[in-house]
């Protein structure tokens, strides 16, 4: 399983949408994909209060908190965001991932500071897709 996870990580962190899609497809076809989703999404969460403070007193609101797999430089980040959103969208509901990123708890997709040029397949809804990511707080 460790070798398969490393292969998937290499594919989904490549700055190429087609390669990322191949990695996501490979992950979804794995026998134990639930466990693989759990490993890859460990540490990822949605936090409406997550801000990154910049020099000069400015800040960015980034409510989707990635783990280190999905953090990169300015050139890589749009591809990593695309991969992360796909994994969240395709993660089996029974996966042991943070409750804040379970599909049933996400009602809208709001992407501040996200710049991918291809919409993640894993987050398409049957009747189109939403434009905001919002956590259901009840």
N, C-alpha and C. Protein backbone atom coordinates (compact mmCIF):
# COMPACT_ATOMS: atom_id res chain seq x y z
N UNK A 1 0.82 -1.20 0.00
CA UNK A 1 0.00 0.00 0.00
C UNK A 1 0.86 1.26 0.00
N UNK A 2 1.98 1.23 0.74
CA UNK A 2 2.86 2.39 0.82
C UNK A 2 3.37 2.79 -0.57
N UNK A 3 3.76 1.82 -1.39
CA UNK A 3 4.24 2.11 -2.74
C UNK A 3 3.14 2.72 -3.61
N UNK A 4 1.91 2.23 -3.44
CA UNK A 4 0.79 2.77 -4.21
C UNK A 4 0.52 4.22 -3.81
N UNK A 5 0.57 4.50 -2.51
CA UNK A 5 0.36 5.87 -2.02
C UNK A 5 1.42 6.80 -2.59
N UNK A 6 2.67 6.36 -2.60
CA UNK A 6 3.76 7.19 -3.15
C UNK A 6 3.55 7.44 -4.64
N UNK A 7 3.11 6.42 -5.37
CA UNK A 7 2.83 6.58 -6.80
C UNK A 7 1.72 7.59 -7.01
N UNK A 8 0.67 7.51 -6.21
CA UNK A 8 -0.45 8.45 -6.33
C UNK A 8 0.00 9.86 -5.97
N UNK A 9 0.78 10.00 -4.90
CA UNK A 9 1.29 11.32 -4.51
C UNK A 9 2.08 11.95 -5.64
N UNK A 10 2.91 11.14 -6.29
CA UNK A 10 3.72 11.67 -7.40
C UNK A 10 2.80 12.16 -8.54
N UNK A 11 1.76 11.39 -8.84
CA UNK A 11 0.85 11.78 -9.92
C UNK A 11 0.03 13.02 -9.56
N UNK A 12 -0.51 13.06 -8.35
CA UNK A 12 -1.42 14.18 -8.00
C UNK A 12 -0.68 15.46 -7.64
N UNK A 13 0.64 15.39 -7.49
CA UNK A 13 1.40 16.60 -7.20
C UNK A 13 2.18 17.09 -8.42
N UNK A 14 1.93 16.48 -9.56
CA UNK A 14 2.56 16.91 -10.81
C UNK A 14 1.77 18.09 -11.36
N UNK A 15 2.42 19.17 -11.78
CA UNK A 15 1.68 20.33 -12.28
C UNK A 15 1.12 20.12 -13.70
N UNK A 16 0.21 19.16 -13.79
CA UNK A 16 -0.43 18.84 -15.07
C UNK A 16 -1.80 18.23 -14.75
N UNK A 17 -2.86 18.85 -15.22
CA UNK A 17 -4.21 18.39 -14.88
C UNK A 17 -4.48 16.95 -15.34
N UNK A 18 -4.00 16.59 -16.50
CA UNK A 18 -4.23 15.24 -17.01
C UNK A 18 -3.53 14.19 -16.12
N UNK A 19 -2.33 14.49 -15.69
CA UNK A 19 -1.60 13.58 -14.81
C UNK A 19 -2.30 13.47 -13.46
N UNK A 20 -2.78 14.60 -12.94
CA UNK A 20 -3.52 14.57 -11.68
C UNK A 20 -4.78 13.71 -11.83
N UNK A 21 -5.50 13.90 -12.94
CA UNK A 21 -6.70 13.09 -13.18
C UNK A 21 -6.36 11.60 -13.22
N UNK A 22 -5.21 11.25 -13.80
CA UNK A 22 -4.78 9.85 -13.83
C UNK A 22 -4.53 9.33 -12.42
N UNK A 23 -3.89 10.15 -11.59
CA UNK A 23 -3.63 9.76 -10.21
C UNK A 23 -4.92 9.57 -9.42
N UNK A 24 -5.87 10.46 -9.62
CA UNK A 24 -7.16 10.35 -8.93
C UNK A 24 -7.90 9.10 -9.41
N UNK A 25 -7.87 8.84 -10.70
CA UNK A 25 -8.53 7.63 -11.24
C UNK A 25 -7.87 6.38 -10.67
N UNK A 26 -6.55 6.36 -10.60
CA UNK A 26 -5.83 5.22 -10.03
C UNK A 26 -6.24 5.01 -8.58
N UNK A 27 -6.31 6.10 -7.83
CA UNK A 27 -6.72 6.02 -6.43
C UNK A 27 -8.12 5.44 -6.29
N UNK A 28 -9.04 5.90 -7.11
CA UNK A 28 -10.43 5.44 -7.02
C UNK A 28 -10.57 3.97 -7.39
N UNK A 29 -9.66 3.45 -8.20
CA UNK A 29 -9.73 2.05 -8.64
C UNK A 29 -9.02 1.09 -7.69
N UNK A 30 -8.31 1.62 -6.71
CA UNK A 30 -7.58 0.76 -5.76
C UNK A 30 -8.56 -0.08 -4.95
N UNK A 31 -8.11 -1.28 -4.58
CA UNK A 31 -8.93 -2.17 -3.74
C UNK A 31 -9.25 -1.54 -2.40
N UNK A 32 -8.28 -0.90 -1.78
CA UNK A 32 -8.47 -0.31 -0.46
C UNK A 32 -8.42 1.21 -0.57
N UNK A 33 -9.21 1.77 -1.48
CA UNK A 33 -9.12 3.20 -1.72
C UNK A 33 -9.55 4.03 -0.51
N UNK A 34 -10.48 3.51 0.29
CA UNK A 34 -10.92 4.27 1.46
C UNK A 34 -9.73 4.60 2.36
N UNK A 35 -8.90 3.62 2.64
CA UNK A 35 -7.72 3.84 3.47
C UNK A 35 -6.75 4.81 2.80
N UNK A 36 -6.60 4.72 1.50
CA UNK A 36 -5.69 5.61 0.78
C UNK A 36 -6.19 7.06 0.84
N UNK A 37 -7.51 7.26 0.69
CA UNK A 37 -8.07 8.60 0.82
C UNK A 37 -7.78 9.15 2.23
N UNK A 38 -7.94 8.31 3.24
CA UNK A 38 -7.70 8.72 4.62
C UNK A 38 -6.26 9.18 4.80
N UNK A 39 -5.32 8.42 4.25
CA UNK A 39 -3.90 8.76 4.37
C UNK A 39 -3.60 10.07 3.64
N UNK A 40 -4.09 10.21 2.42
CA UNK A 40 -3.80 11.40 1.62
C UNK A 40 -4.47 12.66 2.16
N UNK A 41 -5.62 12.51 2.80
CA UNK A 41 -6.36 13.68 3.30
C UNK A 41 -6.12 13.93 4.80
N UNK A 42 -5.23 13.15 5.41
CA UNK A 42 -4.95 13.34 6.83
C UNK A 42 -4.44 14.76 7.08
N UNK A 43 -5.05 15.45 8.03
CA UNK A 43 -4.64 16.81 8.37
C UNK A 43 -5.35 17.88 7.57
N UNK A 44 -6.08 17.53 6.53
CA UNK A 44 -6.83 18.51 5.75
C UNK A 44 -8.15 18.78 6.47
N UNK A 45 -8.59 20.03 6.44
CA UNK A 45 -9.85 20.38 7.09
C UNK A 45 -10.36 21.71 6.54
N UNK A 46 -11.60 22.01 6.88
CA UNK A 46 -12.20 23.29 6.56
C UNK A 46 -12.31 24.07 7.86
N UNK A 47 -11.75 25.27 7.88
CA UNK A 47 -11.78 26.11 9.08
C UNK A 47 -12.12 27.53 8.65
N UNK A 48 -13.33 27.94 8.94
CA UNK A 48 -13.78 29.27 8.50
C UNK A 48 -12.97 30.39 9.11
N UNK A 49 -12.21 30.11 10.15
CA UNK A 49 -11.41 31.13 10.83
C UNK A 49 -9.93 31.05 10.46
N UNK A 50 -9.58 30.36 9.38
CA UNK A 50 -8.18 30.20 9.01
C UNK A 50 -7.73 31.35 8.12
N UNK A 51 -6.78 32.13 8.63
CA UNK A 51 -6.21 33.24 7.89
C UNK A 51 -4.70 33.08 7.87
N UNK A 52 -4.09 33.52 6.78
CA UNK A 52 -2.64 33.57 6.69
C UNK A 52 -2.27 35.04 6.70
N UNK A 53 -1.47 35.44 7.66
CA UNK A 53 -1.10 36.84 7.78
C UNK A 53 0.17 37.10 6.98
N UNK A 54 0.13 38.18 6.21
CA UNK A 54 1.22 38.57 5.33
C UNK A 54 1.93 39.80 5.89
N UNK A 55 3.03 40.14 5.27
CA UNK A 55 3.75 41.35 5.66
C UNK A 55 2.88 42.56 5.41
N UNK A 56 3.07 43.60 6.19
CA UNK A 56 2.32 44.83 5.99
C UNK A 56 0.92 44.78 6.58
N UNK A 57 0.64 43.79 7.40
CA UNK A 57 -0.66 43.72 8.05
C UNK A 57 -1.77 43.13 7.19
N UNK A 58 -1.46 42.71 5.98
CA UNK A 58 -2.49 42.10 5.13
C UNK A 58 -2.63 40.63 5.47
N UNK A 59 -3.73 40.05 5.04
CA UNK A 59 -3.97 38.64 5.30
C UNK A 59 -4.80 38.03 4.18
N UNK A 60 -4.74 36.72 4.10
CA UNK A 60 -5.55 35.94 3.15
C UNK A 60 -6.47 35.03 3.94
N UNK A 61 -7.71 34.95 3.49
CA UNK A 61 -8.65 34.01 4.10
C UNK A 61 -8.58 32.73 3.30
N UNK A 62 -8.14 31.65 3.92
CA UNK A 62 -8.01 30.36 3.27
C UNK A 62 -8.69 29.30 4.13
N UNK A 63 -10.01 29.16 4.00
CA UNK A 63 -10.73 28.26 4.89
C UNK A 63 -10.43 26.78 4.69
N UNK A 64 -9.99 26.39 3.50
CA UNK A 64 -9.62 24.99 3.29
C UNK A 64 -8.15 24.83 3.64
N UNK A 65 -7.89 24.11 4.72
CA UNK A 65 -6.54 23.95 5.24
C UNK A 65 -5.96 22.64 4.69
N UNK A 66 -4.92 22.74 3.83
CA UNK A 66 -4.33 21.52 3.27
C UNK A 66 -3.26 20.94 4.18
N UNK A 67 -2.89 19.70 3.93
CA UNK A 67 -1.71 19.13 4.59
C UNK A 67 -0.50 19.45 3.71
N UNK A 68 0.67 19.00 4.08
CA UNK A 68 1.90 19.34 3.34
C UNK A 68 1.91 18.81 1.92
N UNK A 69 1.20 17.72 1.65
CA UNK A 69 1.14 17.19 0.28
C UNK A 69 0.55 18.22 -0.67
N UNK A 70 -0.38 19.02 -0.19
CA UNK A 70 -1.11 19.96 -1.05
C UNK A 70 -0.67 21.41 -0.86
N UNK A 71 0.57 21.61 -0.42
CA UNK A 71 1.14 22.94 -0.30
C UNK A 71 2.32 23.04 -1.26
N UNK A 72 2.39 24.15 -1.99
CA UNK A 72 3.49 24.33 -2.93
C UNK A 72 3.76 25.79 -3.21
N UNK A 73 4.60 26.03 -4.20
CA UNK A 73 4.91 27.41 -4.58
C UNK A 73 3.77 27.97 -5.44
N UNK A 74 3.89 29.24 -5.81
CA UNK A 74 2.82 29.90 -6.57
C UNK A 74 2.50 29.19 -7.88
N UNK A 75 3.51 28.63 -8.53
CA UNK A 75 3.29 27.94 -9.81
C UNK A 75 2.58 26.60 -9.61
N UNK A 76 2.93 25.87 -8.55
CA UNK A 76 2.37 24.54 -8.29
C UNK A 76 1.00 24.59 -7.63
N UNK A 77 0.72 25.63 -6.85
CA UNK A 77 -0.45 25.65 -5.98
C UNK A 77 -1.78 25.44 -6.70
N UNK A 78 -2.01 26.03 -7.87
CA UNK A 78 -3.30 25.76 -8.53
C UNK A 78 -3.52 24.27 -8.82
N UNK A 79 -2.48 23.57 -9.17
CA UNK A 79 -2.58 22.14 -9.45
C UNK A 79 -2.82 21.34 -8.16
N UNK A 80 -2.14 21.74 -7.10
CA UNK A 80 -2.32 21.06 -5.82
C UNK A 80 -3.73 21.29 -5.28
N UNK A 81 -4.25 22.51 -5.45
CA UNK A 81 -5.63 22.80 -5.03
C UNK A 81 -6.61 21.94 -5.82
N UNK A 82 -6.37 21.83 -7.11
CA UNK A 82 -7.22 21.00 -7.98
C UNK A 82 -7.22 19.55 -7.49
N UNK A 83 -6.04 19.03 -7.17
CA UNK A 83 -5.94 17.65 -6.69
C UNK A 83 -6.66 17.49 -5.35
N UNK A 84 -6.47 18.42 -4.45
CA UNK A 84 -7.11 18.36 -3.14
C UNK A 84 -8.63 18.37 -3.26
N UNK A 85 -9.17 19.26 -4.07
CA UNK A 85 -10.62 19.33 -4.24
C UNK A 85 -11.16 18.04 -4.86
N UNK A 86 -10.42 17.45 -5.76
CA UNK A 86 -10.84 16.17 -6.34
C UNK A 86 -10.87 15.08 -5.28
N UNK A 87 -9.83 15.00 -4.45
CA UNK A 87 -9.80 13.97 -3.43
C UNK A 87 -10.93 14.14 -2.43
N UNK A 88 -11.20 15.37 -2.03
CA UNK A 88 -12.33 15.61 -1.12
C UNK A 88 -13.63 15.17 -1.78
N UNK A 89 -13.79 15.53 -3.05
CA UNK A 89 -15.02 15.20 -3.76
C UNK A 89 -15.24 13.72 -3.98
N UNK A 90 -14.17 12.97 -4.15
CA UNK A 90 -14.28 11.54 -4.43
C UNK A 90 -14.12 10.67 -3.18
N UNK A 91 -13.76 11.24 -2.06
CA UNK A 91 -13.55 10.44 -0.85
C UNK A 91 -14.83 9.71 -0.46
N UNK A 92 -14.74 8.41 -0.24
CA UNK A 92 -15.93 7.66 0.19
C UNK A 92 -16.46 8.23 1.51
N UNK A 93 -17.78 8.28 1.63
CA UNK A 93 -18.39 8.84 2.84
C UNK A 93 -17.94 8.12 4.11
N UNK A 94 -17.63 6.83 4.00
CA UNK A 94 -17.23 6.08 5.19
C UNK A 94 -15.76 6.31 5.56
N UNK A 95 -15.04 7.10 4.76
CA UNK A 95 -13.63 7.40 5.06
C UNK A 95 -13.51 8.13 6.38
N UNK A 96 -12.44 7.85 7.10
CA UNK A 96 -12.16 8.52 8.36
C UNK A 96 -11.34 9.77 8.07
N UNK A 97 -12.02 10.79 7.54
CA UNK A 97 -11.40 12.08 7.27
C UNK A 97 -12.07 13.10 8.18
N UNK A 98 -11.50 14.27 8.27
CA UNK A 98 -12.07 15.30 9.13
C UNK A 98 -13.52 15.57 8.73
N UNK A 99 -14.40 15.64 9.74
CA UNK A 99 -15.82 15.87 9.47
C UNK A 99 -16.06 17.14 8.66
N UNK A 100 -15.19 18.11 8.81
CA UNK A 100 -15.39 19.40 8.13
C UNK A 100 -15.24 19.30 6.61
N UNK A 101 -14.61 18.23 6.11
CA UNK A 101 -14.46 18.09 4.65
C UNK A 101 -15.25 16.92 4.09
N UNK A 102 -16.14 16.37 4.88
CA UNK A 102 -17.04 15.34 4.34
C UNK A 102 -18.04 16.00 3.41
N UNK A 103 -18.31 15.36 2.30
CA UNK A 103 -19.23 15.95 1.30
C UNK A 103 -20.57 16.32 1.91
N UNK A 104 -21.08 15.50 2.81
CA UNK A 104 -22.39 15.78 3.39
C UNK A 104 -22.38 17.06 4.23
N UNK A 105 -21.20 17.51 4.65
CA UNK A 105 -21.09 18.72 5.46
C UNK A 105 -20.73 19.95 4.64
N UNK A 106 -20.46 19.78 3.37
CA UNK A 106 -20.10 20.90 2.50
C UNK A 106 -21.29 21.21 1.60
N UNK A 107 -21.75 22.44 1.66
CA UNK A 107 -22.92 22.80 0.88
C UNK A 107 -22.61 23.69 -0.31
N UNK A 108 -21.53 24.44 -0.24
CA UNK A 108 -21.17 25.34 -1.33
C UNK A 108 -19.66 25.36 -1.50
N UNK A 109 -19.21 25.78 -2.66
CA UNK A 109 -17.78 25.82 -2.96
C UNK A 109 -17.36 27.27 -3.19
N UNK A 110 -16.66 27.85 -2.22
CA UNK A 110 -16.14 29.21 -2.31
C UNK A 110 -14.63 29.11 -2.34
N UNK A 111 -14.01 29.64 -3.35
CA UNK A 111 -12.59 29.41 -3.58
C UNK A 111 -11.78 30.70 -3.54
N UNK A 112 -11.61 31.30 -2.37
CA UNK A 112 -10.77 32.51 -2.32
C UNK A 112 -9.32 32.12 -2.58
N UNK A 113 -8.64 32.89 -3.39
CA UNK A 113 -7.23 32.68 -3.69
C UNK A 113 -6.94 31.37 -4.42
N UNK A 114 -7.95 30.70 -4.96
CA UNK A 114 -7.75 29.45 -5.70
C UNK A 114 -7.76 29.80 -7.18
N UNK A 115 -6.77 29.28 -7.93
CA UNK A 115 -6.61 29.70 -9.31
C UNK A 115 -6.45 28.54 -10.28
N UNK A 116 -7.13 27.43 -10.12
CA UNK A 116 -6.97 26.38 -11.12
C UNK A 116 -7.85 26.69 -12.32
N UNK A 117 -7.41 26.22 -13.50
CA UNK A 117 -8.14 26.55 -14.72
C UNK A 117 -9.04 25.42 -15.20
N UNK A 118 -9.11 24.34 -14.44
CA UNK A 118 -9.98 23.21 -14.77
C UNK A 118 -10.74 22.85 -13.50
N UNK A 119 -12.06 22.75 -13.58
CA UNK A 119 -12.85 22.47 -12.39
C UNK A 119 -12.66 21.02 -11.97
N UNK A 120 -12.44 20.77 -10.67
CA UNK A 120 -12.23 19.39 -10.20
C UNK A 120 -13.44 18.50 -10.44
N UNK A 121 -13.23 17.37 -11.06
CA UNK A 121 -14.30 16.43 -11.35
C UNK A 121 -14.99 15.95 -10.08
N UNK A 122 -14.25 15.75 -9.03
CA UNK A 122 -14.78 15.18 -7.80
C UNK A 122 -15.78 16.06 -7.08
N UNK A 123 -15.92 17.32 -7.49
CA UNK A 123 -16.84 18.22 -6.81
C UNK A 123 -18.01 18.64 -7.69
N UNK A 124 -18.19 17.99 -8.81
CA UNK A 124 -19.34 18.29 -9.64
C UNK A 124 -20.58 17.66 -9.02
N UNK A 125 -21.64 18.38 -9.02
CA UNK A 125 -22.91 17.85 -8.52
C UNK A 125 -23.71 17.36 -9.72
N UNK A 126 -24.71 16.55 -9.46
CA UNK A 126 -25.47 15.98 -10.57
C UNK A 126 -26.16 17.05 -11.41
N UNK A 127 -26.56 18.13 -10.82
CA UNK A 127 -27.25 19.18 -11.58
C UNK A 127 -26.37 20.43 -11.71
N UNK A 128 -25.12 20.25 -12.03
CA UNK A 128 -24.20 21.37 -12.15
C UNK A 128 -23.38 21.49 -10.89
N UNK A 129 -22.61 22.54 -10.76
CA UNK A 129 -21.82 22.68 -9.56
C UNK A 129 -21.98 24.06 -8.97
N UNK A 130 -21.75 24.11 -7.70
CA UNK A 130 -21.90 25.34 -6.94
C UNK A 130 -20.62 26.16 -7.04
N UNK A 131 -20.69 27.38 -6.63
CA UNK A 131 -19.52 28.25 -6.73
C UNK A 131 -18.93 28.62 -5.37
N UNK A 132 -19.43 28.05 -4.29
CA UNK A 132 -18.91 28.38 -2.96
C UNK A 132 -18.76 27.12 -2.13
N UNK A 133 -17.76 27.09 -1.27
CA UNK A 133 -17.56 25.99 -0.33
C UNK A 133 -17.92 26.54 1.04
N UNK A 134 -18.92 26.00 1.64
CA UNK A 134 -19.32 26.47 2.95
C UNK A 134 -19.57 25.26 3.82
N UNK A 135 -19.10 25.32 5.01
CA UNK A 135 -19.26 24.24 5.97
C UNK A 135 -20.63 24.38 6.61
N UNK A 136 -21.35 23.27 6.74
CA UNK A 136 -22.61 23.26 7.47
C UNK A 136 -22.32 23.33 8.96
N UNK A 137 -22.59 24.42 9.59
CA UNK A 137 -22.42 24.53 11.03
C UNK A 137 -23.79 24.44 11.66
N UNK A 138 -24.01 23.39 12.44
CA UNK A 138 -25.32 23.21 13.06
C UNK A 138 -25.21 23.12 14.55
